[in-house]
Amino acid sequence: MNAQQRLAEYRQAVAADLRLLARLHDREPQEETLTRLRDQGFPERLGMRLEDPIALEVVERLGGALAQRLDDEYLVHLAVDFADIYLNHTLRVSPCESVWFDEEGLERQVAMFEVREAYKTEGLMLGDRRDRGDDHLVPQLDFIAHLVAEGRLDKAAEFMDHHLLRWLPRFADGVAERCASEYFRGLALLTTHYLEQLRDHLARIVGLPRPDPEELERELAQRRPREELPPPCNMPVDAPSF
């Protein structure tokens, strides 16, 4: 197998991993889903194997959470935790980028429009989900999966730098500290470790080193004019959805 073939297999494996992680953050865990994950050896058998010792400890603990007896009490416990994290914001740790950067901690602010523009630039639109903004964790994971699958690795690295990796570690740490289940603690931390390792891989593959965080924040602040938000707009209806 030559280098191009290995890279193509790597891209498809990573895209599949990211789509799986997106689905797990998107939906309340059901017995069938958890059983399938356990039977498939998740998370040990992700397409991109994690290398960092701390990440491997997260993998082990999440595997232990999946080994729990999936009775009604446990499933209700997970359902409550899912709602507290993603639906009613009881934990005060938002899965939406805008909240982390808006001065008043509001949703659907400047960051959402920036993310939406990134989707639009690639000819994509978010499906009709009125319960979440374009800058939610789930569509961002799906978007990176799309870029990786299409071989747009430079764009994937840039998007991660400008968006998801600026706030995902804080989200994961907050969930890990405040949530009630080892399952969601592990899922949040696993997602962060996965994206961090992926970005390190992309730095080597496409020759784009990770930017200095402070310099990046200054650069983004200079790019962003302080003016009113643009009015909400719909993308072309014939654009592909992800």
C-alpha atoms as a PDB file:
ATOM      1  CA  MET A   1       0.000   0.000   0.000  1.00  0.00           C
ATOM      2  CA  ASN A   2       1.462   3.361  -0.996  1.00  0.00           C
ATOM      3  CA  ALA A   3       1.381   6.609   0.973  1.00  0.00           C
ATOM      4  CA  GLN A   4      -1.655   7.987  -0.850  1.00  0.00           C
ATOM      5  CA  GLN A   5      -3.670   4.858  -0.134  1.00  0.00           C
ATOM      6  CA  ARG A   6      -2.694   4.931   3.540  1.00  0.00           C
ATOM      7  CA  LEU A   7      -3.702   8.575   3.787  1.00  0.00           C
ATOM      8  CA  ALA A   8      -7.043   7.863   2.110  1.00  0.00           C
ATOM      9  CA  GLU A   9      -7.750   5.055   4.601  1.00  0.00           C
ATOM     10  CA  TYR A  10      -6.731   7.318   7.475  1.00  0.00           C
ATOM     11  CA  ARG A  11      -9.058  10.074   6.269  1.00  0.00           C
ATOM     12  CA  GLN A  12     -12.043   7.744   5.982  1.00  0.00           C
ATOM     13  CA  ALA A  13     -11.373   6.217   9.405  1.00  0.00           C
ATOM     14  CA  VAL A  14     -11.114   9.631  11.065  1.00  0.00           C
ATOM     15  CA  ALA A  15     -14.254  10.881   9.333  1.00  0.00           C
ATOM     16  CA  ALA A  16     -16.161   7.826  10.585  1.00  0.00           C
ATOM     17  CA  ASP A  17     -14.861   8.374  14.123  1.00  0.00           C
ATOM     18  CA  LEU A  18     -15.910  12.024  14.101  1.00  0.00           C
ATOM     19  CA  ARG A  19     -19.387  11.211  12.819  1.00  0.00           C
ATOM     20  CA  LEU A  20     -19.778   8.614  15.549  1.00  0.00           C
ATOM     21  CA  LEU A  21     -18.688  11.090  18.234  1.00  0.00           C
ATOM     22  CA  ALA A  22     -21.134  13.633  16.810  1.00  0.00           C
ATOM     23  CA  ARG A  23     -24.006  11.149  17.066  1.00  0.00           C
ATOM     24  CA  LEU A  24     -23.127  10.310  20.667  1.00  0.00           C
ATOM     25  CA  HIS A  25     -23.216  13.996  21.615  1.00  0.00           C
ATOM     26  CA  ASP A  26     -26.408  14.470  19.607  1.00  0.00           C
ATOM     27  CA  ARG A  27     -28.755  11.895  21.081  1.00  0.00           C
ATOM     28  CA  GLU A  28     -29.826  10.545  24.429  1.00  0.00           C
ATOM     29  CA  PRO A  29     -28.118   7.150  24.786  1.00  0.00           C
ATOM     30  CA  GLN A  30     -30.377   4.166  24.175  1.00  0.00           C
ATOM     31  CA  GLU A  31     -29.780   0.581  25.258  1.00  0.00           C
ATOM     32  CA  GLU A  32     -29.347  -0.572  21.657  1.00  0.00           C
ATOM     33  CA  THR A  33     -26.711   2.099  20.972  1.00  0.00           C
ATOM     34  CA  LEU A  34     -24.747   1.382  24.131  1.00  0.00           C
ATOM     35  CA  THR A  35     -24.843  -2.359  23.491  1.00  0.00           C
ATOM     36  CA  ARG A  36     -23.567  -1.855  19.945  1.00  0.00           C
ATOM     37  CA  LEU A  37     -20.753   0.380  21.169  1.00  0.00           C
ATOM     38  CA  ARG A  38     -19.711  -2.211  23.725  1.00  0.00           C
ATOM     39  CA  ASP A  39     -19.884  -5.060  21.213  1.00  0.00           C
ATOM     40  CA  GLN A  40     -17.785  -3.098  18.714  1.00  0.00           C
ATOM     41  CA  GLY A  41     -15.091  -2.400  21.294  1.00  0.00           C
ATOM     42  CA  PHE A  42     -15.681   1.342  21.527  1.00  0.00           C
ATOM     43  CA  PRO A  43     -13.700   3.400  22.306  1.00  0.00           C
ATOM     44  CA  GLU A  44     -10.623   1.148  22.162  1.00  0.00           C
ATOM     45  CA  ARG A  45     -11.244   0.347  18.497  1.00  0.00           C
ATOM     46  CA  LEU A  46     -11.626   3.824  17.095  1.00  0.00           C
ATOM     47  CA  GLY A  47     -10.187   4.206  13.621  1.00  0.00           C
ATOM     48  CA  MET A  48      -7.511   6.573  14.938  1.00  0.00           C
ATOM     49  CA  ARG A  49      -5.977   5.048  18.022  1.00  0.00           C
ATOM     50  CA  LEU A  50      -5.195   7.528  20.759  1.00  0.00           C
ATOM     51  CA  GLU A  51      -1.592   7.730  21.904  1.00  0.00           C
ATOM     52  CA  ASP A  52      -1.399  10.038  24.928  1.00  0.00           C
ATOM     53  CA  PRO A  53      -1.333   8.180  28.285  1.00  0.00           C
ATOM     54  CA  ILE A  54      -4.017  10.450  29.742  1.00  0.00           C
ATOM     55  CA  ALA A  55      -6.209   9.831  26.710  1.00  0.00           C
ATOM     56  CA  LEU A  56      -5.712   6.085  27.092  1.00  0.00           C
ATOM     57  CA  GLU A  57      -6.887   6.346  30.699  1.00  0.00           C
ATOM     58  CA  VAL A  58     -10.018   8.143  29.477  1.00  0.00           C
ATOM     59  CA  VAL A  59     -10.565   5.347  26.950  1.00  0.00           C
ATOM     60  CA  GLU A  60     -10.314   2.727  29.691  1.00  0.00           C
ATOM     61  CA  ARG A  61     -12.734   4.534  31.993  1.00  0.00           C
ATOM     62  CA  LEU A  62     -15.262   5.102  29.229  1.00  0.00           C
ATOM     63  CA  GLY A  63     -15.027   1.426  28.336  1.00  0.00           C
ATOM     64  CA  GLY A  64     -15.789   0.658  31.961  1.00  0.00           C
ATOM     65  CA  ALA A  65     -18.871   2.874  31.854  1.00  0.00           C
ATOM     66  CA  LEU A  66     -20.121   0.952  28.807  1.00  0.00           C
ATOM     67  CA  ALA A  67     -19.636  -2.301  30.695  1.00  0.00           C
ATOM     68  CA  GLN A  68     -22.268  -1.263  33.235  1.00  0.00           C
ATOM     69  CA  ARG A  69     -25.497  -3.225  33.435  1.00  0.00           C
ATOM     70  CA  LEU A  70     -27.903  -1.428  31.114  1.00  0.00           C
ATOM     71  CA  ASP A  71     -31.010  -1.601  33.260  1.00  0.00           C
ATOM     72  CA  ASP A  72     -33.757   1.014  33.383  1.00  0.00           C
ATOM     73  CA  GLU A  73     -32.231   2.829  36.340  1.00  0.00           C
ATOM     74  CA  TYR A  74     -28.906   3.291  34.571  1.00  0.00           C
ATOM     75  CA  LEU A  75     -30.555   4.429  31.331  1.00  0.00           C
ATOM     76  CA  VAL A  76     -32.654   7.002  33.205  1.00  0.00           C
ATOM     77  CA  HIS A  77     -29.485   8.197  34.939  1.00  0.00           C
ATOM     78  CA  LEU A  78     -27.841   8.755  31.559  1.00  0.00           C
ATOM     79  CA  ALA A  79     -30.952  10.430  30.145  1.00  0.00           C
ATOM     80  CA  VAL A  80     -30.999  12.956  32.999  1.00  0.00           C
ATOM     81  CA  ASP A  81     -27.302  13.659  32.534  1.00  0.00           C
ATOM     82  CA  PHE A  82     -27.783  14.153  28.787  1.00  0.00           C
ATOM     83  CA  ALA A  83     -30.555  16.667  29.427  1.00  0.00           C
ATOM     84  CA  ASP A  84     -28.482  18.520  32.012  1.00  0.00           C
ATOM     85  CA  ILE A  85     -25.569  18.892  29.586  1.00  0.00           C
ATOM     86  CA  TYR A  86     -27.186  19.452  26.198  1.00  0.00           C
ATOM     87  CA  LEU A  87     -30.802  20.512  26.698  1.00  0.00           C
ATOM     88  CA  ASN A  88     -31.535  22.497  29.839  1.00  0.00           C
ATOM     89  CA  HIS A  89     -27.968  23.699  30.604  1.00  0.00           C
ATOM     90  CA  THR A  90     -28.197  22.796  34.269  1.00  0.00           C
ATOM     91  CA  LEU A  91     -24.426  22.333  34.360  1.00  0.00           C
ATOM     92  CA  ARG A  92     -23.843  25.817  32.902  1.00  0.00           C
ATOM     93  CA  VAL A  93     -21.406  24.349  30.380  1.00  0.00           C
ATOM     94  CA  SER A  94     -22.655  25.099  26.890  1.00  0.00           C
ATOM     95  CA  PRO A  95     -22.069  22.910  23.804  1.00  0.00           C
ATOM     96  CA  CYS A  96     -22.373  26.077  21.646  1.00  0.00           C
ATOM     97  CA  GLU A  97     -19.372  28.198  20.702  1.00  0.00           C
ATOM     98  CA  SER A  98     -21.095  31.576  20.975  1.00  0.00           C
ATOM     99  CA  VAL A  99     -21.644  31.207  24.706  1.00  0.00           C
ATOM    100  CA  TRP A 100     -17.911  30.875  25.328  1.00  0.00           C
ATOM    101  CA  PHE A 101     -16.991  34.100  23.532  1.00  0.00           C
ATOM    102  CA  ASP A 102     -19.973  36.407  23.853  1.00  0.00           C
ATOM    103  CA  GLU A 103     -19.485  38.987  26.622  1.00  0.00           C
ATOM    104  CA  GLU A 104     -22.934  38.191  28.032  1.00  0.00           C
ATOM    105  CA  GLY A 105     -22.686  34.441  27.457  1.00  0.00           C
ATOM    106  CA  LEU A 106     -25.502  34.388  24.900  1.00  0.00           C
ATOM    107  CA  GLU A 107     -26.238  31.811  22.220  1.00  0.00           C
ATOM    108  CA  ARG A 108     -26.491  32.498  18.468  1.00  0.00           C
ATOM    109  CA  GLN A 109     -24.069  35.397  18.469  1.00  0.00           C
ATOM    110  CA  VAL A 110     -21.056  36.324  16.302  1.00  0.00           C
ATOM    111  CA  ALA A 111     -19.411  32.905  16.503  1.00  0.00           C
ATOM    112  CA  MET A 112     -22.503  31.231  15.075  1.00  0.00           C
ATOM    113  CA  PHE A 113     -22.487  33.454  12.000  1.00  0.00           C
ATOM    114  CA  GLU A 114     -18.771  32.842  11.499  1.00  0.00           C
ATOM    115  CA  VAL A 115     -19.275  29.084  11.658  1.00  0.00           C
ATOM    116  CA  ARG A 116     -22.253  29.316   9.327  1.00  0.00           C
ATOM    117  CA  GLU A 117     -20.122  31.224   6.838  1.00  0.00           C
ATOM    118  CA  ALA A 118     -17.490  28.482   6.994  1.00  0.00           C
ATOM    119  CA  TYR A 119     -20.156  25.914   6.122  1.00  0.00           C
ATOM    120  CA  LYS A 120     -21.466  28.101   3.322  1.00  0.00           C
ATOM    121  CA  THR A 121     -17.983  28.534   1.854  1.00  0.00           C
ATOM    122  CA  GLU A 122     -17.835  24.748   1.426  1.00  0.00           C
ATOM    123  CA  GLY A 123     -21.293  24.687  -0.168  1.00  0.00           C
ATOM    124  CA  LEU A 124     -22.965  23.157   2.883  1.00  0.00           C
ATOM    125  CA  MET A 125     -25.941  24.036   5.000  1.00  0.00           C
ATOM    126  CA  LEU A 126     -27.101  22.798   8.387  1.00  0.00           C
ATOM    127  CA  GLY A 127     -30.258  20.737   8.431  1.00  0.00           C
ATOM    128  CA  ASP A 128     -33.392  22.301   9.888  1.00  0.00           C
ATOM    129  CA  ARG A 129     -32.658  22.082  13.627  1.00  0.00           C
ATOM    130  CA  ARG A 130     -34.344  24.998  15.330  1.00  0.00           C
ATOM    131  CA  ASP A 131     -33.282  23.690  18.737  1.00  0.00           C
ATOM    132  CA  ARG A 132     -29.599  24.492  18.150  1.00  0.00           C
ATOM    133  CA  GLY A 133     -27.347  26.964  16.408  1.00  0.00           C
ATOM    134  CA  ASP A 134     -24.847  26.257  13.657  1.00  0.00           C
ATOM    135  CA  ASP A 135     -22.030  26.619  16.200  1.00  0.00           C
ATOM    136  CA  HIS A 136     -23.188  23.647  18.297  1.00  0.00           C
ATOM    137  CA  LEU A 137     -20.635  20.905  18.959  1.00  0.00           C
ATOM    138  CA  VAL A 138     -22.472  18.321  16.836  1.00  0.00           C
ATOM    139  CA  PRO A 139     -22.510  20.153  13.470  1.00  0.00           C
ATOM    140  CA  GLN A 140     -18.945  21.299  14.020  1.00  0.00           C
ATOM    141  CA  LEU A 141     -17.831  17.673  14.417  1.00  0.00           C
ATOM    142  CA  ASP A 142     -19.814  16.708  11.332  1.00  0.00           C
ATOM    143  CA  PHE A 143     -18.255  19.553   9.371  1.00  0.00           C
ATOM    144  CA  ILE A 144     -14.716  18.514  10.280  1.00  0.00           C
ATOM    145  CA  ALA A 145     -15.623  14.934   9.320  1.00  0.00           C
ATOM    146  CA  HIS A 146     -16.793  16.209   5.938  1.00  0.00           C
ATOM    147  CA  LEU A 147     -13.592  18.184   5.344  1.00  0.00           C
ATOM    148  CA  VAL A 148     -11.392  15.247   6.315  1.00  0.00           C
ATOM    149  CA  ALA A 149     -13.334  12.795   4.155  1.00  0.00           C
ATOM    150  CA  GLU A 150     -13.058  15.149   1.185  1.00  0.00           C
ATOM    151  CA  GLY A 151      -9.318  15.563   1.662  1.00  0.00           C
ATOM    152  CA  ARG A 152      -9.651  19.209   2.721  1.00  0.00           C
ATOM    153  CA  LEU A 153      -7.176  18.695   5.525  1.00  0.00           C
ATOM    154  CA  ASP A 154      -5.803  22.232   5.478  1.00  0.00           C
ATOM    155  CA  LYS A 155      -9.347  23.606   5.844  1.00  0.00           C
ATOM    156  CA  ALA A 156     -10.081  21.117   8.628  1.00  0.00           C
ATOM    157  CA  ALA A 157      -6.992  22.267  10.540  1.00  0.00           C
ATOM    158  CA  GLU A 158      -7.880  25.935  10.062  1.00  0.00           C
ATOM    159  CA  PHE A 159     -11.471  25.417  11.172  1.00  0.00           C
ATOM    160  CA  MET A 160     -10.377  23.521  14.279  1.00  0.00           C
ATOM    161  CA  ASP A 161      -7.921  26.295  15.165  1.00  0.00           C
ATOM    162  CA  HIS A 162     -10.435  29.105  14.639  1.00  0.00           C
ATOM    163  CA  HIS A 163     -13.408  27.403  16.232  1.00  0.00           C
ATOM    164  CA  LEU A 164     -13.764  24.050  17.966  1.00  0.00           C
ATOM    165  CA  LEU A 165     -10.378  23.733  19.655  1.00  0.00           C
ATOM    166  CA  ARG A 166     -10.655  27.229  21.143  1.00  0.00           C
ATOM    167  CA  TRP A 167     -13.475  26.133  23.459  1.00  0.00           C
ATOM    168  CA  LEU A 168     -13.902  22.349  23.361  1.00  0.00           C
ATOM    169  CA  PRO A 169     -11.291  21.657  26.090  1.00  0.00           C
ATOM    170  CA  ARG A 170     -13.115  24.014  28.475  1.00  0.00           C
ATOM    171  CA  PHE A 171     -16.444  22.410  27.635  1.00  0.00           C
ATOM    172  CA  ALA A 172     -15.016  18.942  28.251  1.00  0.00           C
ATOM    173  CA  ASP A 173     -13.390  19.925  31.533  1.00  0.00           C
ATOM    174  CA  GLY A 174     -16.639  21.502  32.717  1.00  0.00           C
ATOM    175  CA  VAL A 175     -18.670  18.431  31.813  1.00  0.00           C
ATOM    176  CA  ALA A 176     -16.108  16.136  33.439  1.00  0.00           C
ATOM    177  CA  GLU A 177     -16.219  18.162  36.635  1.00  0.00           C
ATOM    178  CA  ARG A 178     -19.985  18.634  36.900  1.00  0.00           C
ATOM    179  CA  CYS A 179     -21.793  15.779  35.176  1.00  0.00           C
ATOM    180  CA  ALA A 180     -23.228  12.817  37.058  1.00  0.00           C
ATOM    181  CA  SER A 181     -22.102   9.888  34.900  1.00  0.00           C
ATOM    182  CA  GLU A 182     -18.784   8.354  33.966  1.00  0.00           C
ATOM    183  CA  TYR A 183     -20.176   7.822  30.469  1.00  0.00           C
ATOM    184  CA  PHE A 184     -20.601  11.519  29.640  1.00  0.00           C
ATOM    185  CA  ARG A 185     -17.454  12.442  31.535  1.00  0.00           C
ATOM    186  CA  GLY A 186     -15.547  10.004  29.355  1.00  0.00           C
ATOM    187  CA  LEU A 187     -17.285  11.039  26.131  1.00  0.00           C
ATOM    188  CA  ALA A 188     -16.475  14.719  26.645  1.00  0.00           C
ATOM    189  CA  LEU A 189     -12.831  14.100  27.479  1.00  0.00           C
ATOM    190  CA  LEU A 190     -12.435  11.504  24.728  1.00  0.00           C
ATOM    191  CA  THR A 191     -13.717  13.978  22.155  1.00  0.00           C
ATOM    192  CA  THR A 192     -11.215  16.619  23.234  1.00  0.00           C
ATOM    193  CA  HIS A 193      -8.261  14.230  23.244  1.00  0.00           C
ATOM    194  CA  TYR A 194      -9.291  12.909  19.843  1.00  0.00           C
ATOM    195  CA  LEU A 195      -9.501  16.381  18.271  1.00  0.00           C
ATOM    196  CA  GLU A 196      -6.221  17.463  19.859  1.00  0.00           C
ATOM    197  CA  GLN A 197      -4.408  14.421  18.473  1.00  0.00           C
ATOM    198  CA  LEU A 198      -6.038  14.832  15.075  1.00  0.00           C
ATOM    199  CA  ARG A 199      -4.858  18.442  14.905  1.00  0.00           C
ATOM    200  CA  ASP A 200      -1.324  17.347  15.777  1.00  0.00           C
ATOM    201  CA  HIS A 201      -1.490  14.775  12.982  1.00  0.00           C
ATOM    202  CA  LEU A 202      -2.692  17.393  10.506  1.00  0.00           C
ATOM    203  CA  ALA A 203       0.184  19.663  11.480  1.00  0.00           C
ATOM    204  CA  ARG A 204       2.543  16.990  10.203  1.00  0.00           C
ATOM    205  CA  ILE A 205       0.469  15.871   7.217  1.00  0.00           C
ATOM    206  CA  VAL A 206      -0.250  19.280   5.671  1.00  0.00           C
ATOM    207  CA  GLY A 207       2.558  21.309   7.239  1.00  0.00           C
ATOM    208  CA  LEU A 208       0.316  23.658   9.227  1.00  0.00           C
ATOM    209  CA  PRO A 209       1.668  23.959  12.782  1.00  0.00           C
ATOM    210  CA  ARG A 210      -0.762  24.848  15.508  1.00  0.00           C
ATOM    211  CA  PRO A 211      -0.865  28.600  16.161  1.00  0.00           C
ATOM    212  CA  ASP A 212       0.083  30.210  19.435  1.00  0.00           C
ATOM    213  CA  PRO A 213      -3.248  30.592  21.312  1.00  0.00           C
ATOM    214  CA  GLU A 214      -2.651  34.189  22.411  1.00  0.00           C
ATOM    215  CA  GLU A 215      -1.518  35.291  18.968  1.00  0.00           C
ATOM    216  CA  LEU A 216      -4.518  33.560  17.409  1.00  0.00           C
ATOM    217  CA  GLU A 217      -6.941  35.371  19.712  1.00  0.00           C
ATOM    218  CA  ARG A 218      -5.364  38.716  18.845  1.00  0.00           C
ATOM    219  CA  GLU A 219      -5.533  37.925  15.141  1.00  0.00           C
ATOM    220  CA  LEU A 220      -9.177  36.895  15.300  1.00  0.00           C
ATOM    221  CA  ALA A 221     -10.080  39.966  17.357  1.00  0.00           C
ATOM    222  CA  GLN A 222      -8.478  42.231  14.759  1.00  0.00           C
ATOM    223  CA  ARG A 223     -10.371  40.523  11.941  1.00  0.00           C
ATOM    224  CA  ARG A 224     -13.732  40.837  13.661  1.00  0.00           C
ATOM    225  CA  PRO A 225     -15.258  44.330  13.426  1.00  0.00           C
ATOM    226  CA  ARG A 226     -17.316  45.443  16.382  1.00  0.00           C
ATOM    227  CA  GLU A 227     -20.640  45.977  14.698  1.00  0.00           C
ATOM    228  CA  GLU A 228     -24.146  44.650  14.766  1.00  0.00           C
ATOM    229  CA  LEU A 229     -24.717  41.026  13.913  1.00  0.00           C
ATOM    230  CA  PRO A 230     -25.847  40.332  10.377  1.00  0.00           C
ATOM    231  CA  PRO A 231     -29.499  39.362  10.105  1.00  0.00           C
ATOM    232  CA  PRO A 232     -30.200  35.631  10.053  1.00  0.00           C
ATOM    233  CA  CYS A 233     -30.141  34.283   6.525  1.00  0.00           C
ATOM    234  CA  ASN A 234     -30.961  30.966   4.961  1.00  0.00           C
ATOM    235  CA  MET A 235     -28.457  29.186   2.786  1.00  0.00           C
ATOM    236  CA  PRO A 236     -29.487  28.121  -0.710  1.00  0.00           C
ATOM    237  CA  VAL A 237     -32.075  25.379  -0.457  1.00  0.00           C
ATOM    238  CA  ASP A 238     -30.208  23.250  -2.991  1.00  0.00           C
ATOM    239  CA  ALA A 239     -27.001  23.209  -0.960  1.00  0.00           C
ATOM    240  CA  PRO A 240     -26.088  19.783   0.395  1.00  0.00           C
ATOM    241  CA  SER A 241     -26.816  19.231   4.057  1.00  0.00           C
ATOM    242  CA  PHE A 242     -24.629  17.480   6.562  1.00  0.00           C
END
